């Protein structure tokens, strides 16, 4: 399957499961895939920022990608190929597509500061990987420090027919979604898929502004899938009620520096992965933090029974 502008639903950002000694946990890859499919995933993204991609050897990255492609069957797999150099990006993009990936995701390097630099970078990236590979723009200024205006995104989309999706992670970013959808309405930008990140922190209103779904890694992907589904069905209050029940845990997971540790810990408690280990360097939860997570899970369980097993 090739990624296109109609993509929607839930594309979880998959964490890379490790054993406590730092090896890739092969069995947990299969468990993750099974649980994501059960949660209602319509695709998946691997080697994202939360997937600890920079800690992997190139061969490990390709092996992980291949395992996810095989496990997801006919559903699309997007592969993060961002790299300091375009040669490494080209190698991974071509290798992943040869093994059946649906498309790739490209984040701008933090050194970019002007609109012309951003537009020029994506031009060079597309020249490197080829115009036949569908790609996703990752717009994540909080981490990448690159500010992309709606007009810059529009220019990239219009310049490159192979750009089919925006991973929207600006904060605040609701007006950006509205502006981009406005460009589509007035005919100045062709339609693209918009999936949102930031751990799902603004998913409730992002859907109402015109997002097509979520591409993020909150430890309850079922909630993300349900909010997307309820929003698309016009069941606004139900979507917000479910989202509000998860908001305290979701907010806790968004802490800079320990967010991945929280997410992996909850995923481990829920049976998605066998260990919450990160490959070094990585953060770990203190005993106090773990107790706080248990408290949040217990409170969540009173409103969403899916949290019971993780208390």
C-alpha atoms as a PDB file:
ATOM      1  CA  UNK A   1       0.000   0.000   0.000  1.00  0.00           C
ATOM      2  CA  UNK A   2       1.214   3.495  -0.887  1.00  0.00           C
ATOM      3  CA  UNK A   3       0.324   6.315   1.462  1.00  0.00           C
ATOM      4  CA  UNK A   4      -1.979   8.944   0.009  1.00  0.00           C
ATOM      5  CA  UNK A   5      -3.918  12.027   1.061  1.00  0.00           C
ATOM      6  CA  UNK A   6      -6.941   9.996   2.177  1.00  0.00           C
ATOM      7  CA  UNK A   7      -5.146   8.462   5.176  1.00  0.00           C
ATOM      8  CA  UNK A   8      -7.104   8.845   8.406  1.00  0.00           C
ATOM      9  CA  UNK A   9      -7.783   7.268  11.777  1.00  0.00           C
ATOM     10  CA  UNK A  10      -5.071   6.227  14.215  1.00  0.00           C
ATOM     11  CA  UNK A  11      -1.419   5.756  13.284  1.00  0.00           C
ATOM     12  CA  UNK A  12       0.282   5.021  16.626  1.00  0.00           C
ATOM     13  CA  UNK A  13       3.882   6.106  16.989  1.00  0.00           C
ATOM     14  CA  UNK A  14       5.396   2.802  18.010  1.00  0.00           C
ATOM     15  CA  UNK A  15       7.999   2.775  20.776  1.00  0.00           C
ATOM     16  CA  UNK A  16      10.994   0.545  20.220  1.00  0.00           C
ATOM     17  CA  UNK A  17      10.831  -2.216  22.839  1.00  0.00           C
ATOM     18  CA  UNK A  18      14.117  -3.064  24.508  1.00  0.00           C
ATOM     19  CA  UNK A  19      15.171  -5.720  26.976  1.00  0.00           C
ATOM     20  CA  UNK A  20      16.748  -4.468  30.229  1.00  0.00           C
ATOM     21  CA  UNK A  21      20.212  -5.057  28.755  1.00  0.00           C
ATOM     22  CA  UNK A  22      19.479  -2.843  25.731  1.00  0.00           C
ATOM     23  CA  UNK A  23      18.702  -5.403  23.034  1.00  0.00           C
ATOM     24  CA  UNK A  24      15.632  -5.046  20.811  1.00  0.00           C
ATOM     25  CA  UNK A  25      12.831  -7.132  22.318  1.00  0.00           C
ATOM     26  CA  UNK A  26      11.626  -9.151  19.334  1.00  0.00           C
ATOM     27  CA  UNK A  27       8.674 -10.745  21.139  1.00  0.00           C
ATOM     28  CA  UNK A  28       7.362  -7.389  22.292  1.00  0.00           C
ATOM     29  CA  UNK A  29       7.286  -6.138  18.706  1.00  0.00           C
ATOM     30  CA  UNK A  30       4.717  -8.813  17.921  1.00  0.00           C
ATOM     31  CA  UNK A  31       2.746  -8.010  21.063  1.00  0.00           C
ATOM     32  CA  UNK A  32       2.733  -4.305  20.245  1.00  0.00           C
ATOM     33  CA  UNK A  33       1.420  -4.972  16.757  1.00  0.00           C
ATOM     34  CA  UNK A  34      -1.359  -7.227  18.059  1.00  0.00           C
ATOM     35  CA  UNK A  35      -2.438  -4.707  20.685  1.00  0.00           C
ATOM     36  CA  UNK A  36      -2.368  -1.777  18.261  1.00  0.00           C
ATOM     37  CA  UNK A  37      -4.515  -3.695  15.797  1.00  0.00           C
ATOM     38  CA  UNK A  38      -6.947  -4.572  18.577  1.00  0.00           C
ATOM     39  CA  UNK A  39      -7.043  -0.902  19.596  1.00  0.00           C
ATOM     40  CA  UNK A  40      -8.250   0.075  16.131  1.00  0.00           C
ATOM     41  CA  UNK A  41      -5.080   1.303  14.445  1.00  0.00           C
ATOM     42  CA  UNK A  42      -5.514   2.081  10.749  1.00  0.00           C
ATOM     43  CA  UNK A  43      -1.750   2.260  10.206  1.00  0.00           C
ATOM     44  CA  UNK A  44       1.421   2.732  12.225  1.00  0.00           C
ATOM     45  CA  UNK A  45       4.538   4.899  12.294  1.00  0.00           C
ATOM     46  CA  UNK A  46       7.931   3.527  13.287  1.00  0.00           C
ATOM     47  CA  UNK A  47      11.284   5.197  13.966  1.00  0.00           C
ATOM     48  CA  UNK A  48       9.694   8.396  15.203  1.00  0.00           C
ATOM     49  CA  UNK A  49      11.194  10.624  17.874  1.00  0.00           C
ATOM     50  CA  UNK A  50       9.548   8.583  20.626  1.00  0.00           C
ATOM     51  CA  UNK A  51      10.778   5.401  18.924  1.00  0.00           C
ATOM     52  CA  UNK A  52      14.352   6.217  20.024  1.00  0.00           C
ATOM     53  CA  UNK A  53      15.412   6.053  16.388  1.00  0.00           C
ATOM     54  CA  UNK A  54      18.760   7.859  16.877  1.00  0.00           C
ATOM     55  CA  UNK A  55      19.834   5.092  19.281  1.00  0.00           C
ATOM     56  CA  UNK A  56      19.500   2.364  16.639  1.00  0.00           C
ATOM     57  CA  UNK A  57      22.111   1.057  14.232  1.00  0.00           C
ATOM     58  CA  UNK A  58      21.042   1.322  10.567  1.00  0.00           C
ATOM     59  CA  UNK A  59      20.595  -2.438  10.319  1.00  0.00           C
ATOM     60  CA  UNK A  60      18.458  -2.425  13.471  1.00  0.00           C
ATOM     61  CA  UNK A  61      16.278   0.331  12.034  1.00  0.00           C
ATOM     62  CA  UNK A  62      15.659  -1.667   8.884  1.00  0.00           C
ATOM     63  CA  UNK A  63      15.043  -4.884  10.824  1.00  0.00           C
ATOM     64  CA  UNK A  64      12.498  -3.167  13.080  1.00  0.00           C
ATOM     65  CA  UNK A  65      10.782  -1.643  10.061  1.00  0.00           C
ATOM     66  CA  UNK A  66      10.585  -5.004   8.315  1.00  0.00           C
ATOM     67  CA  UNK A  67       9.030  -6.669  11.371  1.00  0.00           C
ATOM     68  CA  UNK A  68       6.338  -4.016  11.637  1.00  0.00           C
ATOM     69  CA  UNK A  69       5.554  -4.147   7.913  1.00  0.00           C
ATOM     70  CA  UNK A  70       5.101  -7.905   8.094  1.00  0.00           C
ATOM     71  CA  UNK A  71       2.949  -7.694  11.219  1.00  0.00           C
ATOM     72  CA  UNK A  72       0.650  -4.923  10.033  1.00  0.00           C
ATOM     73  CA  UNK A  73      -0.440  -6.859   6.962  1.00  0.00           C
ATOM     74  CA  UNK A  74      -2.308  -4.643   4.509  1.00  0.00           C
ATOM     75  CA  UNK A  75      -2.249  -1.579   6.756  1.00  0.00           C
ATOM     76  CA  UNK A  76       0.197   1.231   5.923  1.00  0.00           C
ATOM     77  CA  UNK A  77       3.496   1.602   7.760  1.00  0.00           C
ATOM     78  CA  UNK A  78       5.166   5.025   7.757  1.00  0.00           C
ATOM     79  CA  UNK A  79       8.894   5.065   8.480  1.00  0.00           C
ATOM     80  CA  UNK A  80      10.719   8.000  10.018  1.00  0.00           C
ATOM     81  CA  UNK A  81      13.817   8.563   7.884  1.00  0.00           C
ATOM     82  CA  UNK A  82      15.049  11.884   9.258  1.00  0.00           C
ATOM     83  CA  UNK A  83      18.843  11.986   9.447  1.00  0.00           C
ATOM     84  CA  UNK A  84      21.642  14.547   9.669  1.00  0.00           C
ATOM     85  CA  UNK A  85      22.700  13.720   6.119  1.00  0.00           C
ATOM     86  CA  UNK A  86      20.649  13.091   2.997  1.00  0.00           C
ATOM     87  CA  UNK A  87      22.632   9.972   2.066  1.00  0.00           C
ATOM     88  CA  UNK A  88      21.473   8.163   5.208  1.00  0.00           C
ATOM     89  CA  UNK A  89      17.915   9.378   4.589  1.00  0.00           C
ATOM     90  CA  UNK A  90      17.993   8.093   1.013  1.00  0.00           C
ATOM     91  CA  UNK A  91      19.346   4.688   2.073  1.00  0.00           C
ATOM     92  CA  UNK A  92      16.694   4.076   4.719  1.00  0.00           C
ATOM     93  CA  UNK A  93      13.842   5.461   2.594  1.00  0.00           C
ATOM     94  CA  UNK A  94      14.676   3.201  -0.345  1.00  0.00           C
ATOM     95  CA  UNK A  95      15.310   0.164   1.849  1.00  0.00           C
ATOM     96  CA  UNK A  96      12.040   0.642   3.732  1.00  0.00           C
ATOM     97  CA  UNK A  97       9.989   1.123   0.567  1.00  0.00           C
ATOM     98  CA  UNK A  98      11.603  -1.958  -0.985  1.00  0.00           C
ATOM     99  CA  UNK A  99      10.318  -3.954   1.986  1.00  0.00           C
ATOM    100  CA  UNK A 100       6.777  -2.663   1.678  1.00  0.00           C
ATOM    101  CA  UNK A 101       6.564   0.599   3.629  1.00  0.00           C
ATOM    102  CA  UNK A 102       3.729   2.920   2.596  1.00  0.00           C
ATOM    103  CA  UNK A 103       5.714   6.127   2.914  1.00  0.00           C
ATOM    104  CA  UNK A 104       8.299   8.014   4.923  1.00  0.00           C
ATOM    105  CA  UNK A 105       8.280  10.885   7.405  1.00  0.00           C
ATOM    106  CA  UNK A 106      10.792  13.716   7.174  1.00  0.00           C
ATOM    107  CA  UNK A 107      11.466  16.212   9.962  1.00  0.00           C
ATOM    108  CA  UNK A 108      13.403  19.433   9.318  1.00  0.00           C
ATOM    109  CA  UNK A 109      16.828  19.683  10.978  1.00  0.00           C
ATOM    110  CA  UNK A 110      16.962  22.154  13.890  1.00  0.00           C
ATOM    111  CA  UNK A 111      19.426  24.393  12.054  1.00  0.00           C
ATOM    112  CA  UNK A 112      16.754  25.754   9.698  1.00  0.00           C
ATOM    113  CA  UNK A 113      15.605  29.272  10.532  1.00  0.00           C
ATOM    114  CA  UNK A 114      14.093  31.000   7.493  1.00  0.00           C
ATOM    115  CA  UNK A 115      11.179  30.096   5.251  1.00  0.00           C
ATOM    116  CA  UNK A 116      13.502  29.776   2.272  1.00  0.00           C
ATOM    117  CA  UNK A 117      15.773  27.398   4.190  1.00  0.00           C
ATOM    118  CA  UNK A 118      12.839  25.152   5.118  1.00  0.00           C
ATOM    119  CA  UNK A 119      11.441  25.081   1.594  1.00  0.00           C
ATOM    120  CA  UNK A 120      14.919  24.463   0.194  1.00  0.00           C
ATOM    121  CA  UNK A 121      15.579  21.626   2.609  1.00  0.00           C
ATOM    122  CA  UNK A 122      12.448  19.728   1.594  1.00  0.00           C
ATOM    123  CA  UNK A 123      13.341  20.263  -2.059  1.00  0.00           C
ATOM    124  CA  UNK A 124      16.734  18.672  -1.458  1.00  0.00           C
ATOM    125  CA  UNK A 125      15.204  15.843   0.606  1.00  0.00           C
ATOM    126  CA  UNK A 126      12.750  14.970  -2.175  1.00  0.00           C
ATOM    127  CA  UNK A 127      15.566  15.083  -4.723  1.00  0.00           C
ATOM    128  CA  UNK A 128      17.509  12.666  -2.505  1.00  0.00           C
ATOM    129  CA  UNK A 129      14.801  10.068  -1.891  1.00  0.00           C
ATOM    130  CA  UNK A 130      13.043  10.444  -5.234  1.00  0.00           C
ATOM    131  CA  UNK A 131       9.725  11.922  -6.285  1.00  0.00           C
ATOM    132  CA  UNK A 132       7.993   8.539  -6.279  1.00  0.00           C
ATOM    133  CA  UNK A 133       8.112   8.017  -2.484  1.00  0.00           C
ATOM    134  CA  UNK A 134       5.116   9.441  -0.572  1.00  0.00           C
ATOM    135  CA  UNK A 135       6.249  11.545   2.342  1.00  0.00           C
ATOM    136  CA  UNK A 136       4.960  13.183   5.499  1.00  0.00           C
ATOM    137  CA  UNK A 137       6.043  16.602   6.762  1.00  0.00           C
ATOM    138  CA  UNK A 138       6.729  16.477  10.485  1.00  0.00           C
ATOM    139  CA  UNK A 139       5.956  19.870  11.993  1.00  0.00           C
ATOM    140  CA  UNK A 140       7.138  19.685  15.622  1.00  0.00           C
ATOM    141  CA  UNK A 141       8.574  23.064  16.620  1.00  0.00           C
ATOM    142  CA  UNK A 142       8.566  22.361  20.359  1.00  0.00           C
ATOM    143  CA  UNK A 143      11.285  19.744  19.925  1.00  0.00           C
ATOM    144  CA  UNK A 144      12.805  20.548  16.538  1.00  0.00           C
ATOM    145  CA  UNK A 145      12.786  24.363  17.063  1.00  0.00           C
ATOM    146  CA  UNK A 146      11.828  24.907  13.404  1.00  0.00           C
ATOM    147  CA  UNK A 147       8.834  27.192  12.885  1.00  0.00           C
ATOM    148  CA  UNK A 148       6.813  26.329   9.773  1.00  0.00           C
ATOM    149  CA  UNK A 149       4.093  28.787   8.868  1.00  0.00           C
ATOM    150  CA  UNK A 150       0.972  27.585   7.045  1.00  0.00           C
ATOM    151  CA  UNK A 151       2.233  29.333   3.910  1.00  0.00           C
ATOM    152  CA  UNK A 152       5.520  27.410   4.059  1.00  0.00           C
ATOM    153  CA  UNK A 153       3.659  24.127   4.451  1.00  0.00           C
ATOM    154  CA  UNK A 154       1.424  25.080   1.528  1.00  0.00           C
ATOM    155  CA  UNK A 155       4.481  25.814  -0.601  1.00  0.00           C
ATOM    156  CA  UNK A 156       6.039  22.427   0.177  1.00  0.00           C
ATOM    157  CA  UNK A 157       2.775  20.656  -0.602  1.00  0.00           C
ATOM    158  CA  UNK A 158       2.333  22.507  -3.878  1.00  0.00           C
ATOM    159  CA  UNK A 159       5.954  22.010  -4.913  1.00  0.00           C
ATOM    160  CA  UNK A 160       5.972  18.268  -4.269  1.00  0.00           C
ATOM    161  CA  UNK A 161       3.096  16.003  -5.365  1.00  0.00           C
ATOM    162  CA  UNK A 162       4.678  13.214  -3.305  1.00  0.00           C
ATOM    163  CA  UNK A 163       3.837  15.136  -0.104  1.00  0.00           C
ATOM    164  CA  UNK A 164       0.594  13.532   1.044  1.00  0.00           C
ATOM    165  CA  UNK A 165       0.419  14.185   4.796  1.00  0.00           C
ATOM    166  CA  UNK A 166       1.261  16.630   7.542  1.00  0.00           C
ATOM    167  CA  UNK A 167       2.072  15.393  11.017  1.00  0.00           C
ATOM    168  CA  UNK A 168       0.853  18.416  12.926  1.00  0.00           C
ATOM    169  CA  UNK A 169       2.498  18.974  16.311  1.00  0.00           C
ATOM    170  CA  UNK A 170       2.562  22.721  16.662  1.00  0.00           C
ATOM    171  CA  UNK A 171       1.504  24.138  20.020  1.00  0.00           C
ATOM    172  CA  UNK A 172      -0.658  26.164  19.987  1.00  0.00           C
ATOM    173  CA  UNK A 173      -1.684  24.863  16.606  1.00  0.00           C
ATOM    174  CA  UNK A 174      -5.453  24.807  16.236  1.00  0.00           C
ATOM    175  CA  UNK A 175      -5.490  27.928  14.076  1.00  0.00           C
ATOM    176  CA  UNK A 176      -2.834  26.388  11.830  1.00  0.00           C
ATOM    177  CA  UNK A 177      -5.132  23.460  11.053  1.00  0.00           C
ATOM    178  CA  UNK A 178      -7.984  25.844  10.256  1.00  0.00           C
ATOM    179  CA  UNK A 179      -5.738  27.924   8.003  1.00  0.00           C
ATOM    180  CA  UNK A 180      -4.499  24.903   6.079  1.00  0.00           C
ATOM    181  CA  UNK A 181      -8.021  23.590   5.572  1.00  0.00           C
ATOM    182  CA  UNK A 182      -8.947  27.079   4.433  1.00  0.00           C
ATOM    183  CA  UNK A 183      -6.227  26.905   1.784  1.00  0.00           C
ATOM    184  CA  UNK A 184      -7.803  23.685   0.537  1.00  0.00           C
ATOM    185  CA  UNK A 185     -11.236  25.305   0.444  1.00  0.00           C
ATOM    186  CA  UNK A 186     -10.066  28.311  -1.569  1.00  0.00           C
ATOM    187  CA  UNK A 187      -8.127  26.075  -3.944  1.00  0.00           C
ATOM    188  CA  UNK A 188      -4.657  27.412  -3.154  1.00  0.00           C
ATOM    189  CA  UNK A 189      -3.473  24.058  -1.724  1.00  0.00           C
ATOM    190  CA  UNK A 190      -4.388  20.566  -2.786  1.00  0.00           C
ATOM    191  CA  UNK A 191      -5.934  18.354  -0.076  1.00  0.00           C
ATOM    192  CA  UNK A 192      -3.605  16.420   2.210  1.00  0.00           C
ATOM    193  CA  UNK A 193      -4.085  14.215   5.231  1.00  0.00           C
ATOM    194  CA  UNK A 194      -3.478  15.888   8.599  1.00  0.00           C
ATOM    195  CA  UNK A 195      -2.721  13.644  11.559  1.00  0.00           C
ATOM    196  CA  UNK A 196      -1.856  15.183  14.912  1.00  0.00           C
ATOM    197  CA  UNK A 197       0.701  14.412  17.601  1.00  0.00           C
ATOM    198  CA  UNK A 198       1.713  15.987  20.925  1.00  0.00           C
ATOM    199  CA  UNK A 199       0.662  12.827  22.739  1.00  0.00           C
ATOM    200  CA  UNK A 200      -2.938  13.579  21.794  1.00  0.00           C
ATOM    201  CA  UNK A 201      -3.032  16.553  24.152  1.00  0.00           C
ATOM    202  CA  UNK A 202      -5.288  18.614  21.873  1.00  0.00           C
ATOM    203  CA  UNK A 203      -6.903  15.816  19.853  1.00  0.00           C
ATOM    204  CA  UNK A 204     -10.450  16.668  20.920  1.00  0.00           C
ATOM    205  CA  UNK A 205     -10.424  20.095  19.290  1.00  0.00           C
ATOM    206  CA  UNK A 206      -7.935  19.191  16.565  1.00  0.00           C
ATOM    207  CA  UNK A 207     -10.516  16.809  15.147  1.00  0.00           C
ATOM    208  CA  UNK A 208     -13.091  19.580  15.141  1.00  0.00           C
ATOM    209  CA  UNK A 209     -10.684  21.892  13.297  1.00  0.00           C
ATOM    210  CA  UNK A 210     -10.318  19.385  10.475  1.00  0.00           C
ATOM    211  CA  UNK A 211      -7.691  16.825  11.442  1.00  0.00           C
ATOM    212  CA  UNK A 212      -8.115  13.374   9.913  1.00  0.00           C
ATOM    213  CA  UNK A 213      -6.870  11.489  12.959  1.00  0.00           C
ATOM    214  CA  UNK A 214      -3.980  10.991  15.349  1.00  0.00           C
ATOM    215  CA  UNK A 215      -0.358   9.987  14.898  1.00  0.00           C
ATOM    216  CA  UNK A 216       1.005   9.799  18.400  1.00  0.00           C
ATOM    217  CA  UNK A 217       1.900   7.358  21.140  1.00  0.00           C
ATOM    218  CA  UNK A 218      -0.260   7.850  24.228  1.00  0.00           C
ATOM    219  CA  UNK A 219      -0.317   4.663  26.288  1.00  0.00           C
ATOM    220  CA  UNK A 220      -4.062   4.144  25.674  1.00  0.00           C
ATOM    221  CA  UNK A 221      -4.291   4.043  21.865  1.00  0.00           C
ATOM    222  CA  UNK A 222      -7.872   2.806  22.227  1.00  0.00           C
ATOM    223  CA  UNK A 223      -8.851   6.214  23.579  1.00  0.00           C
ATOM    224  CA  UNK A 224      -7.241   7.970  20.630  1.00  0.00           C
ATOM    225  CA  UNK A 225      -9.038   5.709  18.152  1.00  0.00           C
ATOM    226  CA  UNK A 226     -12.350   6.196  19.958  1.00  0.00           C
ATOM    227  CA  UNK A 227     -12.048   9.993  20.060  1.00  0.00           C
ATOM    228  CA  UNK A 228     -11.298  10.042  16.333  1.00  0.00           C
ATOM    229  CA  UNK A 229     -14.255   7.760  15.624  1.00  0.00           C
ATOM    230  CA  UNK A 230     -16.694   9.642  17.854  1.00  0.00           C
ATOM    231  CA  UNK A 231     -15.618  13.001  16.458  1.00  0.00           C
ATOM    232  CA  UNK A 232     -16.082  11.854  12.879  1.00  0.00           C
ATOM    233  CA  UNK A 233     -19.539  10.566  13.805  1.00  0.00           C
ATOM    234  CA  UNK A 234     -20.527  13.956  15.223  1.00  0.00           C
ATOM    235  CA  UNK A 235     -20.811  12.607  18.765  1.00  0.00           C
ATOM    236  CA  UNK A 236     -19.064  15.607  20.252  1.00  0.00           C
ATOM    237  CA  UNK A 237     -19.956  15.288  23.926  1.00  0.00           C
ATOM    238  CA  UNK A 238     -19.059  11.581  24.011  1.00  0.00           C
ATOM    239  CA  UNK A 239     -15.699  12.309  22.406  1.00  0.00           C
ATOM    240  CA  UNK A 240     -14.947  15.062  24.910  1.00  0.00           C
ATOM    241  CA  UNK A 241     -16.146  13.021  27.900  1.00  0.00           C
ATOM    242  CA  UNK A 242     -13.799  10.164  27.019  1.00  0.00           C
ATOM    243  CA  UNK A 243     -10.936  12.538  26.288  1.00  0.00           C
ATOM    244  CA  UNK A 244     -11.464  14.399  29.563  1.00  0.00           C
ATOM    245  CA  UNK A 245     -11.285  11.160  31.538  1.00  0.00           C
ATOM    246  CA  UNK A 246      -7.796  10.495  30.155  1.00  0.00           C
ATOM    247  CA  UNK A 247      -6.525  14.065  30.258  1.00  0.00           C
ATOM    248  CA  UNK A 248      -4.759  13.903  33.670  1.00  0.00           C
ATOM    249  CA  UNK A 249      -2.690  10.864  32.633  1.00  0.00           C
ATOM    250  CA  UNK A 250      -2.140  12.222  29.156  1.00  0.00           C
ATOM    251  CA  UNK A 251      -0.852  15.497  30.632  1.00  0.00           C
ATOM    252  CA  UNK A 252       1.444  13.617  33.010  1.00  0.00           C
ATOM    253  CA  UNK A 253       2.882  11.698  30.075  1.00  0.00           C
ATOM    254  CA  UNK A 254       3.729  14.969  28.303  1.00  0.00           C
ATOM    255  CA  UNK A 255       6.451  15.979  30.759  1.00  0.00           C
ATOM    256  CA  UNK A 256       9.674  16.875  29.026  1.00  0.00           C
ATOM    257  CA  UNK A 257      12.488  14.446  29.793  1.00  0.00           C
ATOM    258  CA  UNK A 258      10.417  11.689  31.400  1.00  0.00           C
ATOM    259  CA  UNK A 259       7.488  11.442  29.000  1.00  0.00           C
ATOM    260  CA  UNK A 260       8.794   8.342  27.237  1.00  0.00           C
ATOM    261  CA  UNK A 261       9.539   6.704  30.593  1.00  0.00           C
ATOM    262  CA  UNK A 262       5.924   7.264  31.667  1.00  0.00           C
ATOM    263  CA  UNK A 263       4.564   5.967  28.386  1.00  0.00           C
ATOM    264  CA  UNK A 264       6.708   2.851  28.375  1.00  0.00           C
ATOM    265  CA  UNK A 265       5.913   2.158  32.025  1.00  0.00           C
ATOM    266  CA  UNK A 266       2.172   2.267  31.399  1.00  0.00           C
ATOM    267  CA  UNK A 267       2.499   0.208  28.220  1.00  0.00           C
ATOM    268  CA  UNK A 268       4.426  -2.364  30.238  1.00  0.00           C
ATOM    269  CA  UNK A 269       1.735  -2.380  32.949  1.00  0.00           C
ATOM    270  CA  UNK A 270      -0.874  -2.898  30.229  1.00  0.00           C
ATOM    271  CA  UNK A 271       1.008  -5.814  28.634  1.00  0.00           C
ATOM    272  CA  UNK A 272       1.940  -4.073  25.386  1.00  0.00           C
ATOM    273  CA  UNK A 273       5.659  -4.552  26.049  1.00  0.00           C
ATOM    274  CA  UNK A 274       7.570  -6.757  28.467  1.00  0.00           C
ATOM    275  CA  UNK A 275       9.913  -4.070  29.800  1.00  0.00           C
ATOM    276  CA  UNK A 276       9.878  -0.300  30.094  1.00  0.00           C
ATOM    277  CA  UNK A 277      13.606  -0.165  29.397  1.00  0.00           C
ATOM    278  CA  UNK A 278      15.077   2.544  27.195  1.00  0.00           C
ATOM    279  CA  UNK A 279      18.352   2.209  25.377  1.00  0.00           C
ATOM    280  CA  UNK A 280      20.956   4.424  27.008  1.00  0.00           C
ATOM    281  CA  UNK A 281      20.975   7.312  27.453  1.00  0.00           C
ATOM    282  CA  UNK A 282      17.474   7.271  28.823  1.00  0.00           C
ATOM    283  CA  UNK A 283      15.377   8.406  31.747  1.00  0.00           C
ATOM    284  CA  UNK A 284      13.694   6.297  34.425  1.00  0.00           C
ATOM    285  CA  UNK A 285      10.802   6.878  36.801  1.00  0.00           C
ATOM    286  CA  UNK A 286      11.430   7.328  40.483  1.00  0.00           C
ATOM    287  CA  UNK A 287       9.394   5.409  43.030  1.00  0.00           C
ATOM    288  CA  UNK A 288       7.392   8.572  43.676  1.00  0.00           C
ATOM    289  CA  UNK A 289       6.637   9.024  39.983  1.00  0.00           C
ATOM    290  CA  UNK A 290       5.507   5.414  39.644  1.00  0.00           C
ATOM    291  CA  UNK A 291       3.174   5.890  42.614  1.00  0.00           C
ATOM    292  CA  UNK A 292       1.717   8.976  40.955  1.00  0.00           C
ATOM    293  CA  UNK A 293       1.116   7.032  37.740  1.00  0.00           C
ATOM    294  CA  UNK A 294      -0.660   4.289  39.699  1.00  0.00           C
ATOM    295  CA  UNK A 295      -2.841   6.932  41.331  1.00  0.00           C
ATOM    296  CA  UNK A 296      -3.777   8.388  37.954  1.00  0.00           C
ATOM    297  CA  UNK A 297      -4.512   4.926  36.556  1.00  0.00           C
ATOM    298  CA  UNK A 298      -6.781   4.113  39.512  1.00  0.00           C
ATOM    299  CA  UNK A 299      -8.717   7.331  38.981  1.00  0.00           C
ATOM    300  CA  UNK A 300      -8.963   6.652  35.259  1.00  0.00           C
ATOM    301  CA  UNK A 301     -10.245   3.122  35.888  1.00  0.00           C
ATOM    302  CA  UNK A 302     -13.320   4.580  37.569  1.00  0.00           C
ATOM    303  CA  UNK A 303     -14.299   6.107  34.211  1.00  0.00           C
ATOM    304  CA  UNK A 304     -12.647   3.777  31.692  1.00  0.00           C
ATOM    305  CA  UNK A 305     -12.431   0.107  32.640  1.00  0.00           C
ATOM    306  CA  UNK A 306      -9.552  -0.437  30.230  1.00  0.00           C
ATOM    307  CA  UNK A 307      -7.266   1.071  32.881  1.00  0.00           C
ATOM    308  CA  UNK A 308      -8.145  -1.589  35.478  1.00  0.00           C
ATOM    309  CA  UNK A 309      -5.425  -4.036  34.449  1.00  0.00           C
ATOM    310  CA  UNK A 310      -2.717  -1.390  34.689  1.00  0.00           C
ATOM    311  CA  UNK A 311      -3.446  -0.111  38.202  1.00  0.00           C
END
